[in-house]
Amino acid sequence: MRKEEHALQRRLAAILVADVVGYSRLVEKDEGRTLSALPTLQTALLQPQIAAHAGRIVKLMGDGLIAEFASVVEAVSCAVQMQNAIARQHDRSDTTSKIVFRIGINVGDVVVDGDDLLGDGVNVAARLEQICPPGDILMSGTAYEHLAGKIDTKINYAGEQHLKNISRPIKPIMCRSADRFLSP
C-alpha cells in the first residue's frame, strides 16, 4: 500500500443518491415553478425524512442530493418514505408539472474528504440512480443482502447490469413500497 493511500480516511456507509427525473425538461417548461418547487420539496419532505432516519445530507445538487446513512435499513426506509411523501404531494397538486425522483442506494466503502464522501461506494449508488425507473428505488445486491427481511417492501431482481465506468457487473434490486404509487 502506498503512503498516500494509507492516509485516506475510509468507512463503510449506506449511500442514497436521489435525482429529479427530466429536470431540464421541467425547467424549460416552467422555470419559475420548477426552481421554486424543488427547494420546497427538499426542505419540507426530503431533508426531514433523511434526518428522521438518522442520515445526513452529504451534498445538495441543483436537481438532487447525496445522503449517507450508517444503516441500509434506514437508507431504504427513508427512500420509501421520500417516494411515498412525494406521491402524496402529487395527489394534491397540478399533474402537469410533477417532480418525480429516482433513487439509487448502495452499501460500500467510501473515502471521507472533509464533509464530502467519494469513491466506489458513492459511484455505484449514483450509477444505480441513473438507470432507476422514475419514482422507484434501485439498490445494489450488496445493499439488499443487509436489508433482506428487515422492511416490508416488494423486491424484484433487476438483472445483472453493467454500469457506466464501473468495471464489474452489479446485480441491482428494485425496491417498491406497498403504497399505490410505487406498486407495479
N, C-alpha and C. Protein backbone atom coordinates (compact mmCIF):
# COMPACT_ATOMS: atom_id res chain seq x y z
N MET A 1 0.84 -1.18 0.00
CA MET A 1 0.00 0.00 0.00
C MET A 1 0.88 1.24 0.00
N ARG A 2 0.57 2.17 -0.89
CA ARG A 2 1.33 3.41 -0.94
C ARG A 2 0.98 4.28 0.26
N LYS A 3 1.92 5.14 0.63
CA LYS A 3 1.74 6.02 1.79
C LYS A 3 0.50 6.90 1.64
N GLU A 4 0.25 7.45 0.43
CA GLU A 4 -0.91 8.33 0.22
C GLU A 4 -2.22 7.59 0.46
N GLU A 5 -2.28 6.31 0.03
CA GLU A 5 -3.49 5.53 0.21
C GLU A 5 -3.76 5.27 1.69
N HIS A 6 -2.72 5.03 2.44
CA HIS A 6 -2.88 4.75 3.86
C HIS A 6 -3.46 5.96 4.61
N ALA A 7 -3.15 7.17 4.15
CA ALA A 7 -3.61 8.38 4.83
C ALA A 7 -5.08 8.67 4.60
N LEU A 8 -5.71 8.01 3.61
CA LEU A 8 -7.12 8.24 3.33
C LEU A 8 -7.97 7.70 4.48
N GLN A 9 -8.95 8.50 4.88
CA GLN A 9 -9.90 8.02 5.89
C GLN A 9 -11.05 7.35 5.16
N ARG A 10 -11.35 6.13 5.53
CA ARG A 10 -12.40 5.34 4.89
C ARG A 10 -13.40 4.87 5.93
N ARG A 11 -14.61 4.60 5.43
CA ARG A 11 -15.61 3.95 6.28
C ARG A 11 -16.65 3.28 5.39
N LEU A 12 -17.37 2.36 5.97
CA LEU A 12 -18.47 1.69 5.29
C LEU A 12 -19.71 2.53 5.51
N ALA A 13 -20.49 2.75 4.45
CA ALA A 13 -21.68 3.58 4.57
C ALA A 13 -22.75 3.11 3.59
N ALA A 14 -23.99 3.40 3.94
CA ALA A 14 -25.10 3.25 3.00
C ALA A 14 -25.29 4.62 2.35
N ILE A 15 -25.22 4.63 1.03
CA ILE A 15 -25.30 5.88 0.27
C ILE A 15 -26.60 5.90 -0.51
N LEU A 16 -27.32 7.00 -0.41
CA LEU A 16 -28.56 7.24 -1.15
C LEU A 16 -28.31 8.41 -2.09
N VAL A 17 -28.59 8.19 -3.37
CA VAL A 17 -28.48 9.27 -4.37
C VAL A 17 -29.86 9.44 -4.98
N ALA A 18 -30.40 10.66 -4.90
CA ALA A 18 -31.72 10.97 -5.45
C ALA A 18 -31.58 12.08 -6.48
N ASP A 19 -32.39 11.98 -7.54
CA ASP A 19 -32.30 12.91 -8.64
C ASP A 19 -33.68 13.12 -9.24
N VAL A 20 -33.95 14.33 -9.70
CA VAL A 20 -35.22 14.64 -10.35
C VAL A 20 -35.19 14.10 -11.78
N VAL A 21 -36.22 13.37 -12.14
CA VAL A 21 -36.36 12.84 -13.49
C VAL A 21 -36.77 13.99 -14.42
N GLY A 22 -36.04 14.16 -15.52
CA GLY A 22 -36.41 15.17 -16.51
C GLY A 22 -36.30 16.60 -16.02
N TYR A 23 -35.33 16.86 -15.16
CA TYR A 23 -35.19 18.19 -14.56
C TYR A 23 -35.06 19.29 -15.62
N SER A 24 -34.22 19.08 -16.62
CA SER A 24 -34.03 20.10 -17.66
C SER A 24 -35.32 20.38 -18.41
N ARG A 25 -36.09 19.32 -18.67
CA ARG A 25 -37.38 19.47 -19.34
C ARG A 25 -38.33 20.29 -18.48
N LEU A 26 -38.36 20.00 -17.19
CA LEU A 26 -39.25 20.73 -16.28
C LEU A 26 -38.86 22.20 -16.19
N VAL A 27 -37.55 22.47 -16.14
CA VAL A 27 -37.07 23.85 -16.08
C VAL A 27 -37.44 24.58 -17.37
N GLU A 28 -37.25 23.91 -18.48
CA GLU A 28 -37.58 24.54 -19.77
C GLU A 28 -39.08 24.84 -19.87
N LYS A 29 -39.90 23.92 -19.37
CA LYS A 29 -41.35 24.06 -19.44
C LYS A 29 -41.86 25.19 -18.55
N ASP A 30 -41.35 25.23 -17.32
CA ASP A 30 -41.80 26.26 -16.37
C ASP A 30 -40.69 26.49 -15.35
N GLU A 31 -39.73 27.31 -15.74
CA GLU A 31 -38.54 27.55 -14.93
C GLU A 31 -38.88 28.05 -13.52
N GLY A 32 -39.72 29.05 -13.43
CA GLY A 32 -40.05 29.63 -12.13
C GLY A 32 -40.67 28.62 -11.18
N ARG A 33 -41.64 27.88 -11.68
CA ARG A 33 -42.33 26.90 -10.84
C ARG A 33 -41.37 25.78 -10.40
N THR A 34 -40.58 25.28 -11.34
CA THR A 34 -39.65 24.19 -11.01
C THR A 34 -38.60 24.65 -10.01
N LEU A 35 -38.02 25.81 -10.27
CA LEU A 35 -36.95 26.30 -9.40
C LEU A 35 -37.45 26.68 -8.00
N SER A 36 -38.73 26.95 -7.85
CA SER A 36 -39.27 27.22 -6.51
C SER A 36 -39.81 25.95 -5.86
N ALA A 37 -40.31 25.01 -6.66
CA ALA A 37 -40.89 23.79 -6.10
C ALA A 37 -39.83 22.85 -5.54
N LEU A 38 -38.68 22.75 -6.21
CA LEU A 38 -37.66 21.80 -5.77
C LEU A 38 -37.10 22.12 -4.38
N PRO A 39 -36.71 23.37 -4.09
CA PRO A 39 -36.23 23.65 -2.73
C PRO A 39 -37.32 23.42 -1.67
N THR A 40 -38.57 23.66 -2.05
CA THR A 40 -39.67 23.40 -1.12
C THR A 40 -39.77 21.92 -0.82
N LEU A 41 -39.69 21.08 -1.85
CA LEU A 41 -39.70 19.63 -1.63
C LEU A 41 -38.51 19.19 -0.78
N GLN A 42 -37.34 19.74 -1.08
CA GLN A 42 -36.15 19.37 -0.31
C GLN A 42 -36.31 19.74 1.16
N THR A 43 -36.80 20.93 1.42
CA THR A 43 -36.92 21.41 2.80
C THR A 43 -38.09 20.76 3.55
N ALA A 44 -39.22 20.62 2.88
CA ALA A 44 -40.42 20.13 3.55
C ALA A 44 -40.51 18.60 3.61
N LEU A 45 -39.99 17.90 2.60
CA LEU A 45 -40.17 16.46 2.56
C LEU A 45 -38.88 15.65 2.66
N LEU A 46 -37.88 15.99 1.85
CA LEU A 46 -36.69 15.14 1.77
C LEU A 46 -35.79 15.28 2.99
N GLN A 47 -35.41 16.49 3.33
CA GLN A 47 -34.50 16.69 4.47
C GLN A 47 -35.07 16.17 5.78
N PRO A 48 -36.36 16.40 6.08
CA PRO A 48 -36.90 15.82 7.33
C PRO A 48 -36.89 14.29 7.33
N GLN A 49 -37.14 13.67 6.17
CA GLN A 49 -37.10 12.20 6.11
C GLN A 49 -35.68 11.68 6.35
N ILE A 50 -34.72 12.34 5.76
CA ILE A 50 -33.32 11.93 5.95
C ILE A 50 -32.93 12.06 7.41
N ALA A 51 -33.28 13.16 8.04
CA ALA A 51 -32.97 13.37 9.45
C ALA A 51 -33.70 12.35 10.33
N ALA A 52 -34.95 12.06 10.02
CA ALA A 52 -35.74 11.11 10.81
C ALA A 52 -35.17 9.70 10.73
N HIS A 53 -34.40 9.41 9.70
CA HIS A 53 -33.80 8.08 9.53
C HIS A 53 -32.30 8.09 9.84
N ALA A 54 -31.90 9.06 10.64
CA ALA A 54 -30.51 9.16 11.12
C ALA A 54 -29.50 9.28 9.99
N GLY A 55 -29.90 9.94 8.91
CA GLY A 55 -28.99 10.17 7.80
C GLY A 55 -28.49 11.59 7.81
N ARG A 56 -27.55 11.85 6.93
CA ARG A 56 -27.06 13.22 6.77
C ARG A 56 -26.90 13.51 5.29
N ILE A 57 -27.23 14.72 4.91
CA ILE A 57 -27.05 15.14 3.53
C ILE A 57 -25.57 15.45 3.33
N VAL A 58 -24.97 14.77 2.38
CA VAL A 58 -23.57 14.97 2.05
C VAL A 58 -23.45 16.14 1.08
N LYS A 59 -24.37 16.17 0.11
CA LYS A 59 -24.28 17.16 -0.95
C LYS A 59 -25.65 17.40 -1.56
N LEU A 60 -26.00 18.68 -1.72
CA LEU A 60 -27.19 19.06 -2.48
C LEU A 60 -26.71 19.54 -3.84
N MET A 61 -27.34 19.03 -4.88
CA MET A 61 -27.04 19.50 -6.23
C MET A 61 -28.32 20.15 -6.75
N GLY A 62 -28.26 20.82 -7.86
CA GLY A 62 -29.42 21.53 -8.37
C GLY A 62 -30.68 20.69 -8.41
N ASP A 63 -30.55 19.45 -8.87
CA ASP A 63 -31.74 18.61 -9.02
C ASP A 63 -31.65 17.31 -8.23
N GLY A 64 -30.76 17.25 -7.25
CA GLY A 64 -30.66 16.02 -6.50
C GLY A 64 -29.83 16.16 -5.24
N LEU A 65 -29.55 15.01 -4.64
CA LEU A 65 -28.78 15.01 -3.40
C LEU A 65 -28.10 13.68 -3.20
N ILE A 66 -27.09 13.72 -2.36
CA ILE A 66 -26.41 12.51 -1.88
C ILE A 66 -26.54 12.53 -0.36
N ALA A 67 -26.96 11.40 0.20
CA ALA A 67 -27.10 11.29 1.65
C ALA A 67 -26.38 10.03 2.13
N GLU A 68 -25.92 10.09 3.36
CA GLU A 68 -25.20 8.98 3.98
C GLU A 68 -25.98 8.48 5.18
N PHE A 69 -25.99 7.16 5.34
CA PHE A 69 -26.64 6.51 6.48
C PHE A 69 -25.69 5.47 7.04
N ALA A 70 -25.77 5.24 8.33
CA ALA A 70 -24.97 4.18 8.96
C ALA A 70 -25.63 2.82 8.76
N SER A 71 -26.91 2.83 8.38
CA SER A 71 -27.69 1.59 8.23
C SER A 71 -28.40 1.58 6.88
N VAL A 72 -28.28 0.48 6.14
CA VAL A 72 -29.00 0.35 4.88
C VAL A 72 -30.50 0.24 5.14
N VAL A 73 -30.91 -0.33 6.26
CA VAL A 73 -32.33 -0.39 6.60
C VAL A 73 -32.89 1.03 6.69
N GLU A 74 -32.16 1.91 7.35
CA GLU A 74 -32.60 3.31 7.45
C GLU A 74 -32.59 4.00 6.09
N ALA A 75 -31.58 3.72 5.27
CA ALA A 75 -31.50 4.35 3.95
C ALA A 75 -32.68 3.94 3.07
N VAL A 76 -32.98 2.66 3.04
CA VAL A 76 -34.10 2.19 2.20
C VAL A 76 -35.43 2.64 2.78
N SER A 77 -35.59 2.57 4.10
CA SER A 77 -36.83 3.07 4.71
C SER A 77 -37.02 4.54 4.39
N CYS A 78 -35.96 5.31 4.45
CA CYS A 78 -36.01 6.73 4.12
C CYS A 78 -36.42 6.92 2.66
N ALA A 79 -35.81 6.17 1.76
CA ALA A 79 -36.13 6.29 0.33
C ALA A 79 -37.60 5.98 0.06
N VAL A 80 -38.12 4.92 0.69
CA VAL A 80 -39.53 4.56 0.52
C VAL A 80 -40.41 5.69 1.04
N GLN A 81 -40.10 6.22 2.22
CA GLN A 81 -40.89 7.31 2.79
C GLN A 81 -40.81 8.56 1.90
N MET A 82 -39.63 8.85 1.35
CA MET A 82 -39.49 10.00 0.47
C MET A 82 -40.37 9.83 -0.77
N GLN A 83 -40.29 8.68 -1.42
CA GLN A 83 -41.08 8.45 -2.63
C GLN A 83 -42.57 8.51 -2.32
N ASN A 84 -42.99 7.95 -1.20
CA ASN A 84 -44.40 7.98 -0.84
C ASN A 84 -44.87 9.39 -0.50
N ALA A 85 -44.05 10.17 0.20
CA ALA A 85 -44.41 11.55 0.53
C ALA A 85 -44.54 12.39 -0.74
N ILE A 86 -43.64 12.19 -1.68
CA ILE A 86 -43.72 12.93 -2.95
C ILE A 86 -44.99 12.52 -3.71
N ALA A 87 -45.31 11.23 -3.71
CA ALA A 87 -46.53 10.76 -4.38
C ALA A 87 -47.77 11.38 -3.75
N ARG A 88 -47.82 11.44 -2.42
CA ARG A 88 -48.97 12.07 -1.75
C ARG A 88 -49.06 13.56 -2.09
N GLN A 89 -47.91 14.20 -2.19
CA GLN A 89 -47.86 15.62 -2.57
C GLN A 89 -48.44 15.80 -3.97
N HIS A 90 -48.15 14.87 -4.86
CA HIS A 90 -48.68 14.96 -6.24
C HIS A 90 -50.18 14.82 -6.27
N ASP A 91 -50.74 14.03 -5.34
CA ASP A 91 -52.19 13.87 -5.29
C ASP A 91 -52.90 15.20 -5.05
N ARG A 92 -52.18 16.14 -4.44
CA ARG A 92 -52.79 17.43 -4.09
C ARG A 92 -52.34 18.56 -5.01
N SER A 93 -51.60 18.25 -6.07
CA SER A 93 -51.04 19.32 -6.89
C SER A 93 -51.38 19.15 -8.36
N ASP A 94 -50.96 20.11 -9.13
CA ASP A 94 -51.11 20.10 -10.58
C ASP A 94 -50.36 18.90 -11.15
N THR A 95 -51.02 18.12 -11.97
CA THR A 95 -50.40 16.91 -12.50
C THR A 95 -49.52 17.17 -13.72
N THR A 96 -49.52 18.36 -14.27
CA THR A 96 -48.74 18.62 -15.48
C THR A 96 -47.26 18.87 -15.20
N SER A 97 -46.90 19.26 -14.00
CA SER A 97 -45.50 19.58 -13.71
C SER A 97 -44.99 18.83 -12.49
N LYS A 98 -45.34 17.57 -12.39
CA LYS A 98 -44.92 16.78 -11.24
C LYS A 98 -43.41 16.60 -11.21
N ILE A 99 -42.85 16.77 -10.02
CA ILE A 99 -41.44 16.46 -9.82
C ILE A 99 -41.37 15.02 -9.31
N VAL A 100 -40.67 14.19 -10.06
CA VAL A 100 -40.54 12.77 -9.73
C VAL A 100 -39.06 12.48 -9.54
N PHE A 101 -38.76 11.71 -8.51
CA PHE A 101 -37.38 11.34 -8.22
C PHE A 101 -37.14 9.89 -8.58
N ARG A 102 -35.90 9.58 -8.83
CA ARG A 102 -35.43 8.20 -8.87
C ARG A 102 -34.29 8.14 -7.86
N ILE A 103 -34.16 6.97 -7.22
CA ILE A 103 -33.20 6.85 -6.11
C ILE A 103 -32.35 5.60 -6.28
N GLY A 104 -31.04 5.76 -6.11
CA GLY A 104 -30.11 4.65 -6.09
C GLY A 104 -29.49 4.51 -4.71
N ILE A 105 -29.33 3.28 -4.25
CA ILE A 105 -28.76 3.02 -2.92
C ILE A 105 -27.69 1.94 -3.04
N ASN A 106 -26.59 2.17 -2.36
CA ASN A 106 -25.50 1.20 -2.30
C ASN A 106 -24.91 1.18 -0.90
N VAL A 107 -24.38 0.05 -0.53
CA VAL A 107 -23.57 -0.05 0.68
C VAL A 107 -22.16 -0.32 0.21
N GLY A 108 -21.24 0.51 0.66
CA GLY A 108 -19.87 0.31 0.22
C GLY A 108 -18.88 1.16 0.97
N ASP A 109 -17.64 0.92 0.65
CA ASP A 109 -16.53 1.67 1.22
C ASP A 109 -16.50 3.05 0.59
N VAL A 110 -16.37 4.08 1.42
CA VAL A 110 -16.29 5.45 0.93
C VAL A 110 -15.05 6.11 1.50
N VAL A 111 -14.56 7.11 0.78
CA VAL A 111 -13.42 7.90 1.23
C VAL A 111 -13.98 9.22 1.76
N VAL A 112 -13.55 9.59 2.96
CA VAL A 112 -14.00 10.81 3.60
C VAL A 112 -13.07 11.95 3.21
N ASP A 113 -13.65 13.02 2.68
CA ASP A 113 -12.90 14.22 2.30
C ASP A 113 -13.61 15.41 2.92
N GLY A 114 -13.27 15.72 4.17
CA GLY A 114 -14.00 16.76 4.90
C GLY A 114 -15.42 16.29 5.15
N ASP A 115 -16.41 17.07 4.69
CA ASP A 115 -17.81 16.67 4.81
C ASP A 115 -18.28 15.86 3.61
N ASP A 116 -17.44 15.74 2.60
CA ASP A 116 -17.80 15.05 1.37
C ASP A 116 -17.41 13.58 1.45
N LEU A 117 -18.08 12.75 0.66
CA LEU A 117 -17.75 11.35 0.52
C LEU A 117 -17.48 11.07 -0.94
N LEU A 118 -16.46 10.25 -1.19
CA LEU A 118 -16.03 9.94 -2.54
C LEU A 118 -15.81 8.44 -2.65
N GLY A 119 -15.58 7.99 -3.86
CA GLY A 119 -15.15 6.62 -4.08
C GLY A 119 -16.23 5.71 -4.62
N ASP A 120 -15.87 4.45 -4.71
CA ASP A 120 -16.69 3.43 -5.34
C ASP A 120 -18.08 3.31 -4.71
N GLY A 121 -18.17 3.39 -3.41
CA GLY A 121 -19.47 3.26 -2.74
C GLY A 121 -20.46 4.32 -3.20
N VAL A 122 -19.98 5.52 -3.42
CA VAL A 122 -20.82 6.62 -3.90
C VAL A 122 -21.08 6.45 -5.40
N ASN A 123 -20.05 6.09 -6.15
CA ASN A 123 -20.19 5.97 -7.61
C ASN A 123 -21.23 4.93 -8.00
N VAL A 124 -21.25 3.79 -7.33
CA VAL A 124 -22.22 2.75 -7.65
C VAL A 124 -23.64 3.25 -7.35
N ALA A 125 -23.84 3.91 -6.23
CA ALA A 125 -25.18 4.46 -5.92
C ALA A 125 -25.62 5.45 -6.98
N ALA A 126 -24.70 6.31 -7.43
CA ALA A 126 -25.03 7.31 -8.45
C ALA A 126 -25.38 6.64 -9.78
N ARG A 127 -24.67 5.60 -10.15
CA ARG A 127 -24.97 4.90 -11.40
C ARG A 127 -26.28 4.13 -11.32
N LEU A 128 -26.59 3.57 -10.16
CA LEU A 128 -27.89 2.91 -9.99
C LEU A 128 -29.03 3.91 -10.11
N GLU A 129 -28.85 5.09 -9.54
CA GLU A 129 -29.88 6.13 -9.66
C GLU A 129 -30.12 6.46 -11.12
N GLN A 130 -29.08 6.52 -11.92
CA GLN A 130 -29.22 6.90 -13.32
C GLN A 130 -30.04 5.90 -14.14
N ILE A 131 -30.00 4.61 -13.77
CA ILE A 131 -30.77 3.61 -14.52
C ILE A 131 -32.09 3.25 -13.85
N CYS A 132 -32.37 3.86 -12.72
CA CYS A 132 -33.60 3.57 -11.97
C CYS A 132 -34.81 4.14 -12.70
N PRO A 133 -35.90 3.39 -12.79
CA PRO A 133 -37.13 3.94 -13.37
C PRO A 133 -37.67 5.10 -12.52
N PRO A 134 -38.31 6.05 -13.15
CA PRO A 134 -38.89 7.19 -12.41
C PRO A 134 -39.81 6.73 -11.28
N GLY A 135 -39.65 7.35 -10.12
CA GLY A 135 -40.50 7.07 -8.97
C GLY A 135 -40.12 5.83 -8.18
N ASP A 136 -39.04 5.17 -8.56
CA ASP A 136 -38.66 3.92 -7.91
C ASP A 136 -37.34 4.05 -7.15
N ILE A 137 -36.92 2.94 -6.58
CA ILE A 137 -35.68 2.84 -5.82
C ILE A 137 -34.94 1.62 -6.35
N LEU A 138 -33.68 1.80 -6.69
CA LEU A 138 -32.86 0.70 -7.18
C LEU A 138 -31.65 0.59 -6.25
N MET A 139 -31.48 -0.58 -5.65
CA MET A 139 -30.36 -0.77 -4.73
C MET A 139 -29.44 -1.86 -5.25
N SER A 140 -28.21 -1.79 -4.82
CA SER A 140 -27.24 -2.83 -5.19
C SER A 140 -27.59 -4.12 -4.47
N GLY A 141 -27.15 -5.23 -5.04
CA GLY A 141 -27.33 -6.52 -4.39
C GLY A 141 -26.66 -6.55 -3.03
N THR A 142 -25.54 -5.84 -2.90
CA THR A 142 -24.84 -5.74 -1.62
C THR A 142 -25.73 -5.09 -0.58
N ALA A 143 -26.41 -4.02 -0.97
CA ALA A 143 -27.33 -3.35 -0.04
C ALA A 143 -28.46 -4.29 0.35
N TYR A 144 -28.99 -5.01 -0.63
CA TYR A 144 -30.10 -5.93 -0.36
C TYR A 144 -29.70 -7.02 0.62
N GLU A 145 -28.48 -7.51 0.53
CA GLU A 145 -28.03 -8.56 1.45
C GLU A 145 -28.13 -8.11 2.90
N HIS A 146 -27.93 -6.81 3.15
CA HIS A 146 -28.04 -6.28 4.51
C HIS A 146 -29.48 -5.96 4.89
N LEU A 147 -30.35 -5.86 3.91
CA LEU A 147 -31.74 -5.44 4.12
C LEU A 147 -32.72 -6.59 4.23
N ALA A 148 -32.42 -7.71 3.59
CA ALA A 148 -33.35 -8.81 3.41
C ALA A 148 -34.15 -9.12 4.68
N GLY A 149 -35.49 -9.05 4.54
CA GLY A 149 -36.39 -9.40 5.63
C GLY A 149 -36.56 -8.34 6.71
N LYS A 150 -35.95 -7.19 6.57
CA LYS A 150 -35.99 -6.19 7.64
C LYS A 150 -37.02 -5.09 7.42
N ILE A 151 -37.50 -4.91 6.19
CA ILE A 151 -38.59 -3.95 5.96
C ILE A 151 -39.58 -4.57 4.99
N ASP A 152 -40.82 -4.10 5.07
CA ASP A 152 -41.90 -4.65 4.25
C ASP A 152 -41.96 -3.91 2.91
N THR A 153 -41.33 -4.49 1.91
CA THR A 153 -41.33 -3.91 0.58
C THR A 153 -41.44 -5.03 -0.45
N LYS A 154 -41.85 -4.64 -1.63
CA LYS A 154 -41.82 -5.57 -2.76
C LYS A 154 -40.44 -5.47 -3.38
N ILE A 155 -39.80 -6.61 -3.55
CA ILE A 155 -38.43 -6.64 -4.07
C ILE A 155 -38.43 -7.43 -5.39
N ASN A 156 -37.80 -6.88 -6.39
CA ASN A 156 -37.66 -7.55 -7.68
C ASN A 156 -36.22 -7.45 -8.15
N TYR A 157 -35.65 -8.59 -8.52
CA TYR A 157 -34.29 -8.60 -9.08
C TYR A 157 -34.35 -7.93 -10.44
N ALA A 158 -33.47 -6.98 -10.69
CA ALA A 158 -33.50 -6.20 -11.93
C ALA A 158 -32.55 -6.75 -12.99
N GLY A 159 -31.92 -7.88 -12.73
CA GLY A 159 -31.00 -8.45 -13.71
C GLY A 159 -29.63 -7.81 -13.63
N GLU A 160 -28.61 -8.58 -13.95
CA GLU A 160 -27.24 -8.08 -13.90
C GLU A 160 -27.09 -6.87 -14.82
N GLN A 161 -26.45 -5.82 -14.32
CA GLN A 161 -26.28 -4.59 -15.08
C GLN A 161 -24.80 -4.23 -15.18
N HIS A 162 -24.44 -3.68 -16.29
CA HIS A 162 -23.11 -3.12 -16.49
C HIS A 162 -23.28 -1.60 -16.45
N LEU A 163 -22.78 -0.99 -15.40
CA LEU A 163 -22.96 0.44 -15.19
C LEU A 163 -21.80 1.23 -15.78
N LYS A 164 -22.11 2.42 -16.21
CA LYS A 164 -21.12 3.30 -16.82
C LYS A 164 -19.92 3.49 -15.89
N ASN A 165 -18.73 3.23 -16.40
CA ASN A 165 -17.45 3.41 -15.71
C ASN A 165 -17.28 2.55 -14.46
N ILE A 166 -18.06 1.50 -14.32
CA ILE A 166 -17.90 0.52 -13.25
C ILE A 166 -17.54 -0.80 -13.94
N SER A 167 -16.35 -1.32 -13.68
CA SER A 167 -15.85 -2.46 -14.46
C SER A 167 -16.57 -3.78 -14.14
N ARG A 168 -17.02 -3.94 -12.92
CA ARG A 168 -17.66 -5.21 -12.56
C ARG A 168 -19.18 -5.10 -12.73
N PRO A 169 -19.84 -6.21 -13.04
CA PRO A 169 -21.31 -6.16 -13.15
C PRO A 169 -21.93 -5.99 -11.76
N ILE A 170 -23.05 -5.30 -11.71
CA ILE A 170 -23.80 -5.07 -10.47
C ILE A 170 -25.14 -5.79 -10.60
N LYS A 171 -25.61 -6.35 -9.51
CA LYS A 171 -26.88 -7.07 -9.52
C LYS A 171 -27.92 -6.29 -8.71
N PRO A 172 -28.54 -5.30 -9.34
CA PRO A 172 -29.45 -4.43 -8.60
C PRO A 172 -30.81 -5.08 -8.30
N ILE A 173 -31.41 -4.56 -7.26
CA ILE A 173 -32.72 -5.00 -6.79
C ILE A 173 -33.64 -3.78 -6.80
N MET A 174 -34.83 -3.94 -7.38
CA MET A 174 -35.83 -2.88 -7.37
C MET A 174 -36.62 -3.01 -6.08
N CYS A 175 -36.73 -1.93 -5.37
CA CYS A 175 -37.45 -1.91 -4.10
C CYS A 175 -38.70 -1.06 -4.27
N ARG A 176 -39.84 -1.64 -3.97
CA ARG A 176 -41.10 -0.90 -4.11
C ARG A 176 -41.88 -1.02 -2.81
N SER A 177 -42.44 0.09 -2.39
CA SER A 177 -43.21 0.08 -1.15
C SER A 177 -44.61 -0.47 -1.42
N ALA A 178 -45.36 -0.64 -0.38
CA ALA A 178 -46.73 -1.10 -0.51
C ALA A 178 -47.66 0.01 -0.98
N ASP A 179 -47.21 1.26 -0.95
CA ASP A 179 -48.04 2.38 -1.41
C ASP A 179 -48.38 2.23 -2.88
N ARG A 180 -49.53 2.72 -3.29
CA ARG A 180 -50.00 2.58 -4.66
C ARG A 180 -49.05 3.20 -5.67
N PHE A 181 -48.38 4.30 -5.33
CA PHE A 181 -47.51 4.99 -6.29
C PHE A 181 -46.34 4.11 -6.69
N LEU A 182 -45.81 3.34 -5.77
CA LEU A 182 -44.65 2.51 -6.07
C LEU A 182 -45.02 1.08 -6.40
N SER A 183 -46.30 0.76 -6.37
CA SER A 183 -46.70 -0.61 -6.69
C SER A 183 -46.66 -0.83 -8.19
N PRO A 184 -46.37 -2.07 -8.62
CA PRO A 184 -46.32 -2.35 -10.07
C PRO A 184 -47.70 -2.27 -10.69
